[in-house]
């Protein structure tokens, strides 16, 4: 009881999927911000 052996393959794959999910979400947020700012930047440049 309470003894922790080295993590199982399921734990390793779960953490890897968790990290991959974070990367996908962060990259998706980055592209959402870029696509949201692009029209504003183009409009600013067009006004200048």
Protein backbone atom coordinates (compact mmCIF):
# COMPACT_ATOMS: atom_id res chain seq x y z
CA UNK A 1 0.00 0.00 0.00
CA UNK A 2 1.30 3.43 -0.93
CA UNK A 3 4.39 2.16 -2.70
CA UNK A 4 4.80 3.83 -6.07
CA UNK A 5 6.59 1.86 -8.76
CA UNK A 6 7.79 3.46 -11.99
CA UNK A 7 4.87 4.90 -13.97
CA UNK A 8 3.02 2.59 -16.31
CA UNK A 9 2.86 3.01 -20.08
CA UNK A 10 -0.68 4.38 -19.69
CA UNK A 11 0.59 7.18 -17.40
CA UNK A 12 3.40 8.03 -19.82
CA UNK A 13 1.09 8.13 -22.84
CA UNK A 14 -1.51 10.12 -20.90
CA UNK A 15 1.05 12.81 -20.01
CA UNK A 16 2.32 12.85 -23.62
CA UNK A 17 -1.22 13.31 -24.93
CA UNK A 18 -1.76 16.04 -22.32
CA UNK A 19 1.35 17.92 -23.52
CA UNK A 20 0.33 17.45 -27.16
CA UNK A 21 -3.13 18.82 -26.35
CA UNK A 22 -1.60 21.87 -24.69
CA UNK A 23 0.60 22.47 -27.75
CA UNK A 24 -2.35 22.15 -30.13
CA UNK A 25 -4.51 24.50 -28.07
CA UNK A 26 -1.72 27.07 -27.68
CA UNK A 27 -0.87 26.99 -31.39
CA UNK A 28 -4.57 27.27 -32.24
CA UNK A 29 -4.85 30.30 -29.93
CA UNK A 30 -1.76 31.81 -31.56
CA UNK A 31 -3.24 31.45 -35.06
CA UNK A 32 -6.60 32.76 -33.86
CA UNK A 33 -4.87 35.89 -32.50
CA UNK A 34 -2.81 36.29 -35.67
CA UNK A 35 -5.84 35.94 -37.96
CA UNK A 36 -7.78 38.31 -35.70
CA UNK A 37 -5.03 40.97 -35.76
CA UNK A 38 -4.17 40.64 -39.45
CA UNK A 39 -7.16 42.65 -40.79
CA UNK A 40 -6.48 45.36 -38.20
CA UNK A 41 -2.82 45.60 -39.22
CA UNK A 42 -3.69 45.64 -42.92
CA UNK A 43 -6.29 48.34 -42.29
CA UNK A 44 -3.77 50.42 -40.28
CA UNK A 45 -1.19 50.10 -43.08
CA UNK A 46 -3.82 50.95 -45.70
CA UNK A 47 -4.81 54.07 -43.74
CA UNK A 48 -1.20 55.21 -43.34
